[in-house]
Amino acid sequence: MKVMILNFVKFAACMVLVVGLSASALASCGDSLSAMAAGAAVVQSQFRPIQPNSTSAGDNSGKSMVGLWHIQFTVGGQTIQEAFQLWNAGGTEVHNPNVDPRSGNVCLGVWKHGSHGTFKLAHRVWSYDANGNFMGTIHLSETVTVGQGGDTHSGSFTLDFYDPSGNFQFEVAGNVTGERISVD
């Protein structure tokens, strides 16, 4: 009997933990991307839209994206967000933006090696408002090229916003730059 009661208590404690973590999971990385879009809107209202910088057509295929990076997203020359990104050897990526962690500050993505030494990244994010209402999805895409020394990268990004029915709403585009973080 004592074993059954102990097992029930363990089960109940696990359920409380799961429910508690689920409630905090309503906040999302999408809040961070929505904040990026809001920042970009402010910048774009002050500056004319710019085209992403072109990257060298040289072959950087021997350079690796795998590792930890400090990145900055800019629109019109103004930073709208900074983050740490971890590009994993298996083609996955972890994005940790500099935002209030209570609203969700870790995003996940996938990447692949593109043509002419480029790397392409994709995030698909569920977006919720502050009250936990589903707002749709946000697609973050990046195309970057690793610099000559392998310690920097640069390229372009887009944020595409979709409503809950999957209808495209608007896009924000800009530049992304990164600096490799190393142990030394």
Protein backbone atom coordinates (compact mmCIF):
# COMPACT_ATOMS: atom_id res chain seq x y z
CA MET A 1 0.00 0.00 0.00
CA LYS A 2 2.80 2.40 0.89
CA VAL A 3 4.45 1.72 -2.49
CA MET A 4 1.20 2.59 -4.30
CA ILE A 5 0.83 5.83 -2.35
CA LEU A 6 4.48 6.73 -3.01
CA ASN A 7 4.06 6.03 -6.74
CA PHE A 8 0.89 8.12 -6.81
CA VAL A 9 2.70 11.03 -5.09
CA LYS A 10 5.56 10.79 -7.61
CA PHE A 11 3.09 10.75 -10.49
CA ALA A 12 1.18 13.75 -9.08
CA ALA A 13 4.43 15.69 -8.58
CA CYS A 14 5.44 14.99 -12.18
CA MET A 15 2.04 16.15 -13.44
CA VAL A 16 2.33 19.40 -11.45
CA LEU A 17 5.77 19.96 -12.95
CA VAL A 18 4.54 19.27 -16.50
CA VAL A 19 1.55 21.60 -16.12
CA GLY A 20 3.74 24.31 -14.60
CA LEU A 21 6.29 24.06 -17.41
CA SER A 22 3.54 24.01 -20.03
CA ALA A 23 2.15 27.29 -18.74
CA SER A 24 5.53 28.98 -19.10
CA ALA A 25 5.91 27.46 -22.57
CA LEU A 26 3.10 29.68 -23.85
CA ALA A 27 5.66 32.45 -24.17
CA SER A 28 7.64 31.92 -27.30
CA CYS A 29 10.63 32.74 -29.38
CA GLY A 30 8.04 34.36 -31.67
CA ASP A 31 7.77 37.22 -29.17
CA SER A 32 11.44 37.88 -29.83
CA LEU A 33 10.93 37.85 -33.61
CA SER A 34 7.86 40.06 -33.29
CA ALA A 35 9.97 42.51 -31.32
CA MET A 36 12.52 42.40 -34.16
CA ALA A 37 9.78 43.29 -36.63
CA ALA A 38 8.56 46.15 -34.45
CA GLY A 39 12.12 47.46 -34.19
CA ALA A 40 12.55 47.15 -37.94
CA ALA A 41 9.30 49.05 -38.54
CA VAL A 42 10.61 51.94 -36.45
CA VAL A 43 13.92 51.91 -38.33
CA GLN A 44 12.23 51.63 -41.73
CA SER A 45 9.99 54.57 -40.96
CA GLN A 46 13.12 56.66 -40.40
CA PHE A 47 15.22 55.35 -43.29
CA ARG A 48 14.58 54.22 -46.84
CA PRO A 49 14.56 50.43 -47.29
CA ILE A 50 17.97 49.00 -48.11
CA GLN A 51 19.01 46.00 -50.14
CA PRO A 52 20.97 43.28 -48.35
CA ASN A 53 24.73 43.51 -48.85
CA SER A 54 25.99 41.21 -51.54
CA THR A 55 28.59 38.70 -50.49
CA SER A 56 31.69 37.59 -52.28
CA ALA A 57 31.10 34.98 -54.94
CA GLY A 58 34.32 33.24 -53.88
CA ASP A 59 34.08 29.65 -52.76
CA ASN A 60 34.19 29.46 -48.96
CA SER A 61 33.07 25.83 -48.95
CA GLY A 62 36.00 24.80 -46.73
CA LYS A 63 34.90 27.15 -43.95
CA SER A 64 32.60 25.83 -41.28
CA MET A 65 29.55 27.44 -39.68
CA VAL A 66 29.69 24.89 -36.86
CA GLY A 67 30.27 26.67 -33.57
CA LEU A 68 29.00 29.47 -31.35
CA TRP A 69 28.39 32.95 -32.83
CA HIS A 70 27.45 36.41 -31.53
CA ILE A 71 25.14 37.85 -34.20
CA GLN A 72 23.40 41.13 -34.94
CA PHE A 73 20.34 41.76 -37.09
CA THR A 74 20.26 45.21 -38.70
CA VAL A 75 17.76 47.14 -40.79
CA GLY A 76 18.76 50.50 -42.26
CA GLY A 77 22.11 50.28 -40.48
CA GLN A 78 20.49 50.02 -37.02
CA THR A 79 20.68 46.92 -34.86
CA ILE A 80 17.22 45.55 -34.11
CA GLN A 81 18.38 42.45 -32.22
CA GLU A 82 21.48 40.60 -31.10
CA ALA A 83 21.73 36.94 -30.18
CA PHE A 84 23.96 33.95 -29.63
CA GLN A 85 23.62 31.20 -32.23
CA LEU A 86 24.95 27.68 -32.00
CA TRP A 87 25.30 25.96 -35.38
CA ASN A 88 25.55 22.19 -34.78
CA ALA A 89 27.36 19.68 -37.02
CA GLY A 90 24.11 17.72 -37.54
CA GLY A 91 22.37 20.61 -39.34
CA THR A 92 20.45 22.02 -36.39
CA GLU A 93 20.81 25.44 -34.80
CA VAL A 94 19.95 27.05 -31.45
CA HIS A 95 19.18 30.78 -31.36
CA ASN A 96 19.28 32.64 -28.02
CA PRO A 97 18.26 36.32 -28.52
CA ASN A 98 18.92 39.09 -26.04
CA VAL A 99 15.31 39.37 -24.82
CA ASP A 100 13.50 38.88 -21.52
CA PRO A 101 13.66 35.12 -20.91
CA ARG A 102 10.13 35.11 -19.45
CA SER A 103 8.78 35.65 -22.97
CA GLY A 104 10.80 32.82 -24.48
CA ASN A 105 14.35 33.37 -25.54
CA VAL A 106 15.43 30.15 -27.21
CA CYS A 107 14.55 29.28 -30.80
CA LEU A 108 15.45 26.23 -32.87
CA GLY A 109 16.30 25.99 -36.54
CA VAL A 110 17.82 23.87 -39.27
CA TRP A 111 20.58 24.73 -41.71
CA LYS A 112 22.34 23.42 -44.77
CA HIS A 113 25.33 24.32 -46.89
CA GLY A 114 24.24 26.24 -49.99
CA SER A 115 25.99 27.09 -53.24
CA HIS A 116 29.08 29.29 -53.55
CA GLY A 117 30.07 28.91 -49.89
CA THR A 118 26.76 30.10 -48.46
CA PHE A 119 24.83 28.63 -45.55
CA LYS A 120 21.04 28.72 -45.37
CA LEU A 121 19.13 28.74 -42.09
CA ALA A 122 15.39 28.27 -41.45
CA HIS A 123 13.29 28.76 -38.29
CA ARG A 124 9.61 28.04 -38.08
CA VAL A 125 8.20 29.68 -34.96
CA TRP A 126 4.76 29.51 -33.32
CA SER A 127 3.76 33.07 -32.37
CA TYR A 128 1.60 33.98 -29.36
CA ASP A 129 0.55 37.33 -27.89
CA ALA A 130 1.11 38.29 -24.24
CA ASN A 131 -2.21 36.64 -23.26
CA GLY A 132 -1.26 33.28 -24.78
CA ASN A 133 -3.45 33.66 -27.91
CA PHE A 134 -2.09 32.02 -31.07
CA MET A 135 -1.14 34.73 -33.57
CA GLY A 136 0.23 32.54 -36.38
CA THR A 137 3.74 31.61 -37.44
CA ILE A 138 6.93 33.47 -38.18
CA HIS A 139 9.50 32.17 -40.64
CA LEU A 140 13.05 33.43 -40.04
CA SER A 141 15.43 32.73 -42.94
CA GLU A 142 19.10 33.60 -43.18
CA THR A 143 21.64 33.25 -45.97
CA VAL A 144 25.19 33.89 -44.79
CA THR A 145 28.78 33.50 -45.98
CA VAL A 146 31.72 32.84 -43.66
CA GLY A 147 34.46 35.50 -43.90
CA GLN A 148 38.06 34.92 -44.98
CA GLY A 149 39.47 34.04 -41.55
CA GLY A 150 36.48 31.87 -40.60
CA ASP A 151 35.72 34.03 -37.56
CA THR A 152 32.99 36.23 -39.06
CA HIS A 153 29.97 35.79 -41.27
CA SER A 154 27.58 38.14 -43.03
CA GLY A 155 24.49 37.95 -45.18
CA SER A 156 20.79 38.66 -45.23
CA PHE A 157 17.71 37.68 -43.25
CA THR A 158 13.95 37.80 -43.75
CA LEU A 159 11.12 37.48 -41.27
CA ASP A 160 7.85 36.36 -42.87
CA PHE A 161 4.72 36.66 -40.73
CA TYR A 162 1.65 34.45 -41.26
CA ASP A 163 -1.75 34.59 -39.57
CA PRO A 164 -3.28 31.54 -37.81
CA SER A 165 -4.81 30.36 -41.11
CA GLY A 166 -1.41 30.40 -42.83
CA ASN A 167 -2.03 33.57 -44.86
CA PHE A 168 1.06 35.71 -45.48
CA GLN A 169 0.86 39.05 -43.64
CA PHE A 170 4.15 40.92 -44.17
CA GLU A 171 7.93 40.57 -44.43
CA VAL A 172 10.86 42.31 -42.75
CA ALA A 173 14.27 42.06 -44.43
CA GLY A 174 17.73 43.17 -43.40
CA ASN A 175 21.32 42.14 -42.81
CA VAL A 176 22.85 39.73 -40.33
CA THR A 177 26.48 39.66 -39.20
CA GLY A 178 28.23 37.32 -36.84
CA GLU A 179 31.45 36.96 -34.93
CA ARG A 180 32.65 33.53 -33.85
CA ILE A 181 33.02 32.93 -30.10
CA SER A 182 36.00 30.74 -29.31
CA VAL A 183 37.63 29.37 -26.18
CA ASP A 184 40.85 31.32 -26.75
